[in-house]
């Protein structure tokens, strides 16, 4: 199995015991163009939070609760943001 990791500090641990059936592929330092989740968050910010100011965190949470299902419902759009050939090939190799 393959797991792609970015450089987040939470993805590094000297104490982590990696099972033999898992292989890590680490993205280069600061490479948002290779990290599809960055594009998902950009899309969410652009579509659900343009030029908006909220009085509280509850307003942000409510907007997320409305916006995430819209994003998830657009399967073709979401696939275009995340199913890049190199990612799909890793998934196929892992199976």
PDB file of N, CA and C in Angstrom:
ATOM      1  N   UNK A   1       0.844  -1.157   0.000  1.00  0.00           N
ATOM      2  CA  UNK A   1       0.000   0.000   0.000  1.00  0.00           C
ATOM      3  C   UNK A   1       0.900   1.235   0.000  1.00  0.00           C
ATOM      4  N   UNK A   2       0.460   2.269  -0.661  1.00  0.00           N
ATOM      5  CA  UNK A   2       1.225   3.500  -0.780  1.00  0.00           C
ATOM      6  C   UNK A   2       0.463   4.636  -0.111  1.00  0.00           C
ATOM      7  N   UNK A   3       1.171   5.487   0.619  1.00  0.00           N
ATOM      8  CA  UNK A   3       0.566   6.671   1.218  1.00  0.00           C
ATOM      9  C   UNK A   3       1.425   7.869   0.831  1.00  0.00           C
ATOM     10  N   UNK A   4       0.775   8.887   0.254  1.00  0.00           N
ATOM     11  CA  UNK A   4       1.473  10.099  -0.149  1.00  0.00           C
ATOM     12  C   UNK A   4       1.385  11.099   0.990  1.00  0.00           C
ATOM     13  N   UNK A   5       2.533  11.653   1.384  1.00  0.00           N
ATOM     14  CA  UNK A   5       2.581  12.590   2.500  1.00  0.00           C
ATOM     15  C   UNK A   5       3.194  13.907   2.040  1.00  0.00           C
ATOM     16  N   UNK A   6       2.626  14.993   2.538  1.00  0.00           N
ATOM     17  CA  UNK A   6       3.273  16.281   2.302  1.00  0.00           C
ATOM     18  C   UNK A   6       4.247  16.524   3.456  1.00  0.00           C
ATOM     19  N   UNK A   7       4.796  17.699   3.546  1.00  0.00           N
ATOM     20  CA  UNK A   7       5.812  17.970   4.550  1.00  0.00           C
ATOM     21  C   UNK A   7       5.282  18.426   5.895  1.00  0.00           C
ATOM     22  N   UNK A   8       3.993  18.246   6.156  1.00  0.00           N
ATOM     23  CA  UNK A   8       3.420  18.684   7.422  1.00  0.00           C
ATOM     24  C   UNK A   8       4.149  18.041   8.597  1.00  0.00           C
ATOM     25  N   UNK A   9       4.356  18.818   9.637  1.00  0.00           N
ATOM     26  CA  UNK A   9       5.077  18.300  10.800  1.00  0.00           C
ATOM     27  C   UNK A   9       4.348  17.115  11.436  1.00  0.00           C
ATOM     28  N   UNK A  10       3.031  17.062  11.288  1.00  0.00           N
ATOM     29  CA  UNK A  10       2.266  15.948  11.853  1.00  0.00           C
ATOM     30  C   UNK A  10       2.510  14.648  11.085  1.00  0.00           C
ATOM     31  N   UNK A  11       3.161  14.738   9.926  1.00  0.00           N
ATOM     32  CA  UNK A  11       3.448  13.551   9.140  1.00  0.00           C
ATOM     33  C   UNK A  11       4.850  13.008   9.379  1.00  0.00           C
ATOM     34  N   UNK A  12       5.502  13.529  10.406  1.00  0.00           N
ATOM     35  CA  UNK A  12       6.856  13.102  10.718  1.00  0.00           C
ATOM     36  C   UNK A  12       6.919  12.679  12.187  1.00  0.00           C
ATOM     37  N   UNK A  13       7.457  11.520  12.405  1.00  0.00           N
ATOM     38  CA  UNK A  13       7.621  11.058  13.774  1.00  0.00           C
ATOM     39  C   UNK A  13       8.737  10.030  13.810  1.00  0.00           C
ATOM     40  N   UNK A  14       9.628  10.188  14.761  1.00  0.00           N
ATOM     41  CA  UNK A  14      10.692   9.209  14.913  1.00  0.00           C
ATOM     42  C   UNK A  14      10.181   7.939  15.572  1.00  0.00           C
ATOM     43  N   UNK A  15       9.031   8.048  16.253  1.00  0.00           N
ATOM     44  CA  UNK A  15       8.473   6.906  16.977  1.00  0.00           C
ATOM     45  C   UNK A  15       7.516   6.066  16.128  1.00  0.00           C
ATOM     46  N   UNK A  16       7.206   6.523  14.926  1.00  0.00           N
ATOM     47  CA  UNK A  16       6.228   5.831  14.088  1.00  0.00           C
ATOM     48  C   UNK A  16       6.767   4.475  13.629  1.00  0.00           C
ATOM     49  N   UNK A  17       5.982   3.450  13.841  1.00  0.00           N
ATOM     50  CA  UNK A  17       6.306   2.109  13.368  1.00  0.00           C
ATOM     51  C   UNK A  17       5.481   1.868  12.100  1.00  0.00           C
ATOM     52  N   UNK A  18       6.136   1.878  10.963  1.00  0.00           N
ATOM     53  CA  UNK A  18       5.450   1.707   9.680  1.00  0.00           C
ATOM     54  C   UNK A  18       5.333   0.215   9.370  1.00  0.00           C
ATOM     55  N   UNK A  19       4.103  -0.257   9.167  1.00  0.00           N
ATOM     56  CA  UNK A  19       3.928  -1.669   8.801  1.00  0.00           C
ATOM     57  C   UNK A  19       4.663  -1.987   7.500  1.00  0.00           C
ATOM     58  N   UNK A  20       5.081  -3.235   7.347  1.00  0.00           N
ATOM     59  CA  UNK A  20       5.853  -3.636   6.178  1.00  0.00           C
ATOM     60  C   UNK A  20       5.086  -3.463   4.874  1.00  0.00           C
ATOM     61  N   UNK A  21       3.759  -3.513   4.935  1.00  0.00           N
ATOM     62  CA  UNK A  21       2.960  -3.426   3.703  1.00  0.00           C
ATOM     63  C   UNK A  21       2.620  -1.987   3.309  1.00  0.00           C
ATOM     64  N   UNK A  22       3.196  -0.997   3.992  1.00  0.00           N
ATOM     65  CA  UNK A  22       2.925   0.409   3.667  1.00  0.00           C
ATOM     66  C   UNK A  22       4.228   1.075   3.260  1.00  0.00           C
ATOM     67  N   UNK A  23       4.154   1.810   2.151  1.00  0.00           N
ATOM     68  CA  UNK A  23       5.312   2.552   1.655  1.00  0.00           C
ATOM     69  C   UNK A  23       4.917   4.018   1.555  1.00  0.00           C
ATOM     70  N   UNK A  24       5.738   4.895   2.091  1.00  0.00           N
ATOM     71  CA  UNK A  24       5.483   6.334   2.031  1.00  0.00           C
ATOM     72  C   UNK A  24       6.142   6.935   0.802  1.00  0.00           C
ATOM     73  N   UNK A  25       5.426   7.824   0.154  1.00  0.00           N
ATOM     74  CA  UNK A  25       5.996   8.661  -0.898  1.00  0.00           C
ATOM     75  C   UNK A  25       5.847  10.088  -0.394  1.00  0.00           C
ATOM     76  N   UNK A  26       6.958  10.731  -0.155  1.00  0.00           N
ATOM     77  CA  UNK A  26       6.943  12.087   0.387  1.00  0.00           C
ATOM     78  C   UNK A  26       7.042  13.096  -0.737  1.00  0.00           C
ATOM     79  N   UNK A  27       6.148  14.081  -0.696  1.00  0.00           N
ATOM     80  CA  UNK A  27       6.199  15.164  -1.670  1.00  0.00           C
ATOM     81  C   UNK A  27       7.370  16.087  -1.334  1.00  0.00           C
ATOM     82  N   UNK A  28       7.910  16.757  -2.337  1.00  0.00           N
ATOM     83  CA  UNK A  28       8.986  17.709  -2.060  1.00  0.00           C
ATOM     84  C   UNK A  28       8.500  18.829  -1.141  1.00  0.00           C
ATOM     85  N   UNK A  29       9.436  19.479  -0.459  1.00  0.00           N
ATOM     86  CA  UNK A  29       9.081  20.588   0.422  1.00  0.00           C
ATOM     87  C   UNK A  29       8.322  21.671  -0.333  1.00  0.00           C
ATOM     88  N   UNK A  30       7.315  22.203   0.270  1.00  0.00           N
ATOM     89  CA  UNK A  30       6.411  23.195  -0.296  1.00  0.00           C
ATOM     90  C   UNK A  30       6.116  22.932  -1.766  1.00  0.00           C
ATOM     91  N   UNK A  31       5.201  22.023  -1.985  1.00  0.00           N
ATOM     92  CA  UNK A  31       4.796  21.676  -3.341  1.00  0.00           C
ATOM     93  C   UNK A  31       3.276  21.575  -3.435  1.00  0.00           C
ATOM     94  N   UNK A  32       2.548  22.675  -3.166  1.00  0.00           N
ATOM     95  CA  UNK A  32       1.088  22.603  -3.185  1.00  0.00           C
ATOM     96  C   UNK A  32       0.536  22.176  -4.538  1.00  0.00           C
ATOM     97  N   UNK A  33       1.293  22.420  -5.611  1.00  0.00           N
ATOM     98  CA  UNK A  33       0.812  22.017  -6.928  1.00  0.00           C
ATOM     99  C   UNK A  33       0.762  20.499  -7.077  1.00  0.00           C
ATOM    100  N   UNK A  34       1.476  19.767  -6.227  1.00  0.00           N
ATOM    101  CA  UNK A  34       1.456  18.309  -6.256  1.00  0.00           C
ATOM    102  C   UNK A  34       0.489  17.718  -5.245  1.00  0.00           C
ATOM    103  N   UNK A  35      -0.081  18.548  -4.396  1.00  0.00           N
ATOM    104  CA  UNK A  35      -0.943  18.089  -3.320  1.00  0.00           C
ATOM    105  C   UNK A  35      -2.383  18.440  -3.669  1.00  0.00           C
ATOM    106  N   UNK A  36      -3.129  17.456  -4.128  1.00  0.00           N
ATOM    107  CA  UNK A  36      -4.478  17.718  -4.633  1.00  0.00           C
ATOM    108  C   UNK A  36      -5.413  18.304  -3.582  1.00  0.00           C
ATOM    109  N   UNK A  37      -5.185  17.999  -2.304  1.00  0.00           N
ATOM    110  CA  UNK A  37      -6.091  18.556  -1.291  1.00  0.00           C
ATOM    111  C   UNK A  37      -5.979  20.070  -1.225  1.00  0.00           C
ATOM    112  N   UNK A  38      -4.824  20.625  -1.604  1.00  0.00           N
ATOM    113  CA  UNK A  38      -4.684  22.081  -1.652  1.00  0.00           C
ATOM    114  C   UNK A  38      -5.646  22.673  -2.674  1.00  0.00           C
ATOM    115  N   UNK A  39      -5.835  21.982  -3.786  1.00  0.00           N
ATOM    116  CA  UNK A  39      -6.749  22.462  -4.821  1.00  0.00           C
ATOM    117  C   UNK A  39      -8.206  22.344  -4.375  1.00  0.00           C
ATOM    118  N   UNK A  40      -8.499  21.326  -3.598  1.00  0.00           N
ATOM    119  CA  UNK A  40      -9.865  21.181  -3.057  1.00  0.00           C
ATOM    120  C   UNK A  40     -10.176  22.358  -2.129  1.00  0.00           C
ATOM    121  N   UNK A  41      -9.226  22.691  -1.230  1.00  0.00           N
ATOM    122  CA  UNK A  41      -9.451  23.814  -0.318  1.00  0.00           C
ATOM    123  C   UNK A  41      -9.535  25.136  -1.075  1.00  0.00           C
ATOM    124  N   UNK A  42      -8.724  25.305  -2.121  1.00  0.00           N
ATOM    125  CA  UNK A  42      -8.810  26.522  -2.937  1.00  0.00           C
ATOM    126  C   UNK A  42     -10.183  26.643  -3.578  1.00  0.00           C
ATOM    127  N   UNK A  43     -10.685  25.540  -4.103  1.00  0.00           N
ATOM    128  CA  UNK A  43     -12.017  25.538  -4.731  1.00  0.00           C
ATOM    129  C   UNK A  43     -13.091  25.877  -3.710  1.00  0.00           C
ATOM    130  N   UNK A  44     -12.991  25.294  -2.535  1.00  0.00           N
ATOM    131  CA  UNK A  44     -13.966  25.565  -1.479  1.00  0.00           C
ATOM    132  C   UNK A  44     -13.934  27.038  -1.070  1.00  0.00           C
ATOM    133  N   UNK A  45     -12.730  27.586  -0.880  1.00  0.00           N
ATOM    134  CA  UNK A  45     -12.620  29.009  -0.522  1.00  0.00           C
ATOM    135  C   UNK A  45     -13.182  29.901  -1.612  1.00  0.00           C
ATOM    136  N   UNK A  46     -12.875  29.577  -2.860  1.00  0.00           N
ATOM    137  CA  UNK A  46     -13.329  30.416  -3.976  1.00  0.00           C
ATOM    138  C   UNK A  46     -14.843  30.386  -4.136  1.00  0.00           C
ATOM    139  N   UNK A  47     -15.434  29.201  -3.996  1.00  0.00           N
ATOM    140  CA  UNK A  47     -16.872  29.057  -4.243  1.00  0.00           C
ATOM    141  C   UNK A  47     -17.739  29.389  -3.032  1.00  0.00           C
ATOM    142  N   UNK A  48     -17.271  29.079  -1.849  1.00  0.00           N
ATOM    143  CA  UNK A  48     -18.111  29.208  -0.655  1.00  0.00           C
ATOM    144  C   UNK A  48     -17.767  30.395   0.242  1.00  0.00           C
ATOM    145  N   UNK A  49     -16.586  30.975   0.094  1.00  0.00           N
ATOM    146  CA  UNK A  49     -16.179  32.041   1.004  1.00  0.00           C
ATOM    147  C   UNK A  49     -15.679  33.306   0.309  1.00  0.00           C
ATOM    148  N   UNK A  50     -16.155  33.601  -0.908  1.00  0.00           N
ATOM    149  CA  UNK A  50     -15.621  34.809  -1.567  1.00  0.00           C
ATOM    150  C   UNK A  50     -16.149  36.088  -0.908  1.00  0.00           C
ATOM    151  N   UNK A  51     -15.253  36.956  -0.534  1.00  0.00           N
ATOM    152  CA  UNK A  51     -15.610  38.284  -0.020  1.00  0.00           C
ATOM    153  C   UNK A  51     -16.657  38.235   1.079  1.00  0.00           C
ATOM    154  N   UNK A  52     -16.513  37.307   1.993  1.00  0.00           N
ATOM    155  CA  UNK A  52     -17.466  37.191   3.104  1.00  0.00           C
ATOM    156  C   UNK A  52     -16.754  37.398   4.426  1.00  0.00           C
ATOM    157  N   UNK A  53     -17.476  38.019   5.342  1.00  0.00           N
ATOM    158  CA  UNK A  53     -16.974  38.220   6.698  1.00  0.00           C
ATOM    159  C   UNK A  53     -18.003  37.606   7.638  1.00  0.00           C
ATOM    160  N   UNK A  54     -17.535  36.893   8.637  1.00  0.00           N
ATOM    161  CA  UNK A  54     -18.425  36.218   9.572  1.00  0.00           C
ATOM    162  C   UNK A  54     -18.275  36.830  10.949  1.00  0.00           C
ATOM    163  N   UNK A  55     -19.393  36.899  11.662  1.00  0.00           N
ATOM    164  CA  UNK A  55     -19.388  37.440  13.016  1.00  0.00           C
ATOM    165  C   UNK A  55     -18.830  36.448  14.038  1.00  0.00           C
ATOM    166  N   UNK A  56     -18.877  35.165  13.676  1.00  0.00           N
ATOM    167  CA  UNK A  56     -18.440  34.142  14.625  1.00  0.00           C
ATOM    168  C   UNK A  56     -17.964  32.906  13.875  1.00  0.00           C
ATOM    169  N   UNK A  57     -17.326  32.023  14.615  1.00  0.00           N
ATOM    170  CA  UNK A  57     -16.894  30.752  14.046  1.00  0.00           C
ATOM    171  C   UNK A  57     -18.094  29.908  13.626  1.00  0.00           C
ATOM    172  N   UNK A  58     -19.218  30.077  14.326  1.00  0.00           N
ATOM    173  CA  UNK A  58     -20.432  29.336  13.961  1.00  0.00           C
ATOM    174  C   UNK A  58     -20.855  29.641  12.530  1.00  0.00           C
ATOM    175  N   UNK A  59     -20.707  30.881  12.089  1.00  0.00           N
ATOM    176  CA  UNK A  59     -21.042  31.242  10.717  1.00  0.00           C
ATOM    177  C   UNK A  59     -20.154  30.524   9.716  1.00  0.00           C
ATOM    178  N   UNK A  60     -18.880  30.414  10.025  1.00  0.00           N
ATOM    179  CA  UNK A  60     -17.939  29.700   9.158  1.00  0.00           C
ATOM    180  C   UNK A  60     -18.310  28.219   9.100  1.00  0.00           C
ATOM    181  N   UNK A  61     -18.604  27.652  10.255  1.00  0.00           N
ATOM    182  CA  UNK A  61     -18.980  26.236  10.328  1.00  0.00           C
ATOM    183  C   UNK A  61     -20.248  25.984   9.529  1.00  0.00           C
ATOM    184  N   UNK A  62     -21.236  26.855   9.669  1.00  0.00           N
ATOM    185  CA  UNK A  62     -22.484  26.700   8.915  1.00  0.00           C
ATOM    186  C   UNK A  62     -22.228  26.756   7.415  1.00  0.00           C
ATOM    187  N   UNK A  63     -21.370  27.670   6.989  1.00  0.00           N
ATOM    188  CA  UNK A  63     -21.053  27.774   5.565  1.00  0.00           C
ATOM    189  C   UNK A  63     -20.350  26.516   5.071  1.00  0.00           C
ATOM    190  N   UNK A  64     -19.456  25.975   5.873  1.00  0.00           N
ATOM    191  CA  UNK A  64     -18.798  24.716   5.517  1.00  0.00           C
ATOM    192  C   UNK A  64     -19.805  23.572   5.418  1.00  0.00           C
ATOM    193  N   UNK A  65     -20.758  23.527   6.358  1.00  0.00           N
ATOM    194  CA  UNK A  65     -21.757  22.465   6.346  1.00  0.00           C
ATOM    195  C   UNK A  65     -22.662  22.557   5.122  1.00  0.00           C
ATOM    196  N   UNK A  66     -22.838  23.747   4.592  1.00  0.00           N
ATOM    197  CA  UNK A  66     -23.615  23.913   3.361  1.00  0.00           C
ATOM    198  C   UNK A  66     -22.746  23.678   2.122  1.00  0.00           C
ATOM    199  N   UNK A  67     -21.508  24.140   2.165  1.00  0.00           N
ATOM    200  CA  UNK A  67     -20.653  24.113   0.988  1.00  0.00           C
ATOM    201  C   UNK A  67     -20.009  22.781   0.687  1.00  0.00           C
ATOM    202  N   UNK A  68     -19.617  22.045   1.720  1.00  0.00           N
ATOM    203  CA  UNK A  68     -18.957  20.761   1.472  1.00  0.00           C
ATOM    204  C   UNK A  68     -19.837  19.771   0.714  1.00  0.00           C
ATOM    205  N   UNK A  69     -21.123  19.645   1.047  1.00  0.00           N
ATOM    206  CA  UNK A  69     -21.971  18.740   0.251  1.00  0.00           C
ATOM    207  C   UNK A  69     -22.100  19.189  -1.212  1.00  0.00           C
ATOM    208  N   UNK A  70     -22.115  20.487  -1.463  1.00  0.00           N
ATOM    209  CA  UNK A  70     -22.164  20.972  -2.848  1.00  0.00           C
ATOM    210  C   UNK A  70     -20.893  20.560  -3.590  1.00  0.00           C
ATOM    211  N   UNK A  71     -19.767  20.733  -2.933  1.00  0.00           N
ATOM    212  CA  UNK A  71     -18.497  20.347  -3.538  1.00  0.00           C
ATOM    213  C   UNK A  71     -18.473  18.834  -3.794  1.00  0.00           C
ATOM    214  N   UNK A  72     -18.897  18.052  -2.835  1.00  0.00           N
ATOM    215  CA  UNK A  72     -18.887  16.592  -2.967  1.00  0.00           C
ATOM    216  C   UNK A  72     -19.862  16.113  -4.042  1.00  0.00           C
ATOM    217  N   UNK A  73     -20.945  16.823  -4.244  1.00  0.00           N
ATOM    218  CA  UNK A  73     -21.951  16.428  -5.242  1.00  0.00           C
ATOM    219  C   UNK A  73     -21.439  16.616  -6.669  1.00  0.00           C
ATOM    220  N   UNK A  74     -20.479  17.497  -6.855  1.00  0.00           N
ATOM    221  CA  UNK A  74     -19.912  17.737  -8.180  1.00  0.00           C
ATOM    222  C   UNK A  74     -18.758  16.763  -8.411  1.00  0.00           C
ATOM    223  N   UNK A  75     -19.115  15.505  -8.678  1.00  0.00           N
ATOM    224  CA  UNK A  75     -18.106  14.450  -8.780  1.00  0.00           C
ATOM    225  C   UNK A  75     -17.109  14.703  -9.912  1.00  0.00           C
ATOM    226  N   UNK A  76     -17.587  15.184 -11.034  1.00  0.00           N
ATOM    227  CA  UNK A  76     -16.691  15.441 -12.163  1.00  0.00           C
ATOM    228  C   UNK A  76     -15.702  16.556 -11.807  1.00  0.00           C
ATOM    229  N   UNK A  77     -16.191  17.621 -11.192  1.00  0.00           N
ATOM    230  CA  UNK A  77     -15.320  18.722 -10.792  1.00  0.00           C
ATOM    231  C   UNK A  77     -14.320  18.301  -9.740  1.00  0.00           C
ATOM    232  N   UNK A  78     -14.772  17.525  -8.761  1.00  0.00           N
ATOM    233  CA  UNK A  78     -13.890  17.056  -7.703  1.00  0.00           C
ATOM    234  C   UNK A  78     -12.828  16.104  -8.270  1.00  0.00           C
ATOM    235  N   UNK A  79     -13.246  15.259  -9.198  1.00  0.00           N
ATOM    236  CA  UNK A  79     -12.290  14.352  -9.838  1.00  0.00           C
ATOM    237  C   UNK A  79     -11.220  15.139 -10.583  1.00  0.00           C
ATOM    238  N   UNK A  80     -11.612  16.238 -11.237  1.00  0.00           N
ATOM    239  CA  UNK A  80     -10.628  17.028 -11.985  1.00  0.00           C
ATOM    240  C   UNK A  80      -9.616  17.688 -11.049  1.00  0.00           C
ATOM    241  N   UNK A  81     -10.009  17.919  -9.799  1.00  0.00           N
ATOM    242  CA  UNK A  81      -9.099  18.521  -8.824  1.00  0.00           C
ATOM    243  C   UNK A  81      -8.179  17.499  -8.162  1.00  0.00           C
ATOM    244  N   UNK A  82      -8.589  16.233  -8.152  1.00  0.00           N
ATOM    245  CA  UNK A  82      -7.867  15.252  -7.331  1.00  0.00           C
ATOM    246  C   UNK A  82      -7.341  14.031  -8.068  1.00  0.00           C
ATOM    247  N   UNK A  83      -7.962  13.607  -9.133  1.00  0.00           N
ATOM    248  CA  UNK A  83      -7.589  12.348  -9.792  1.00  0.00           C
ATOM    249  C   UNK A  83      -6.551  12.592 -10.884  1.00  0.00           C
ATOM    250  N   UNK A  84      -5.409  13.083 -10.489  1.00  0.00           N
ATOM    251  CA  UNK A  84      -4.343  13.349 -11.444  1.00  0.00           C
ATOM    252  C   UNK A  84      -3.704  12.030 -11.835  1.00  0.00           C
ATOM    253  N   UNK A  85      -3.173  11.944 -13.042  1.00  0.00           N
ATOM    254  CA  UNK A  85      -2.617  10.662 -13.506  1.00  0.00           C
ATOM    255  C   UNK A  85      -1.598  10.048 -12.544  1.00  0.00           C
ATOM    256  N   UNK A  86      -0.724  10.848 -11.955  1.00  0.00           N
ATOM    257  CA  UNK A  86       0.284  10.257 -11.064  1.00  0.00           C
ATOM    258  C   UNK A  86      -0.350   9.724  -9.789  1.00  0.00           C
ATOM    259  N   UNK A  87      -1.443  10.343  -9.336  1.00  0.00           N
ATOM    260  CA  UNK A  87      -2.134   9.844  -8.142  1.00  0.00           C
ATOM    261  C   UNK A  87      -2.863   8.550  -8.469  1.00  0.00           C
ATOM    262  N   UNK A  88      -3.567   8.538  -9.593  1.00  0.00           N
ATOM    263  CA  UNK A  88      -4.300   7.326 -10.004  1.00  0.00           C
ATOM    264  C   UNK A  88      -3.334   6.172 -10.210  1.00  0.00           C
ATOM    265  N   UNK A  89      -2.167   6.443 -10.806  1.00  0.00           N
ATOM    266  CA  UNK A  89      -1.206   5.357 -11.025  1.00  0.00           C
ATOM    267  C   UNK A  89      -0.707   4.789  -9.691  1.00  0.00           C
ATOM    268  N   UNK A  90      -0.531   5.644  -8.679  1.00  0.00           N
ATOM    269  CA  UNK A  90      -0.118   5.137  -7.364  1.00  0.00           C
ATOM    270  C   UNK A  90      -1.187   4.244  -6.758  1.00  0.00           C
ATOM    271  N   UNK A  91      -2.432   4.640  -6.932  1.00  0.00           N
ATOM    272  CA  UNK A  91      -3.539   3.845  -6.394  1.00  0.00           C
ATOM    273  C   UNK A  91      -3.574   2.483  -7.089  1.00  0.00           C
ATOM    274  N   UNK A  92      -3.395   2.480  -8.408  1.00  0.00           N
ATOM    275  CA  UNK A  92      -3.412   1.224  -9.130  1.00  0.00           C
ATOM    276  C   UNK A  92      -2.243   0.327  -8.745  1.00  0.00           C
ATOM    277  N   UNK A  93      -1.081   0.918  -8.508  1.00  0.00           N
ATOM    278  CA  UNK A  93       0.093   0.155  -8.096  1.00  0.00           C
ATOM    279  C   UNK A  93      -0.142  -0.457  -6.716  1.00  0.00           C
ATOM    280  N   UNK A  94      -0.831   0.277  -5.845  1.00  0.00           N
ATOM    281  CA  UNK A  94      -1.060  -0.184  -4.468  1.00  0.00           C
ATOM    282  C   UNK A  94      -1.980  -1.384  -4.403  1.00  0.00           C
ATOM    283  N   UNK A  95      -2.832  -1.529  -5.384  1.00  0.00           N
ATOM    284  CA  UNK A  95      -3.762  -2.669  -5.361  1.00  0.00           C
ATOM    285  C   UNK A  95      -3.095  -3.836  -5.961  1.00  0.00           C
TER     286      UNK A  95
END
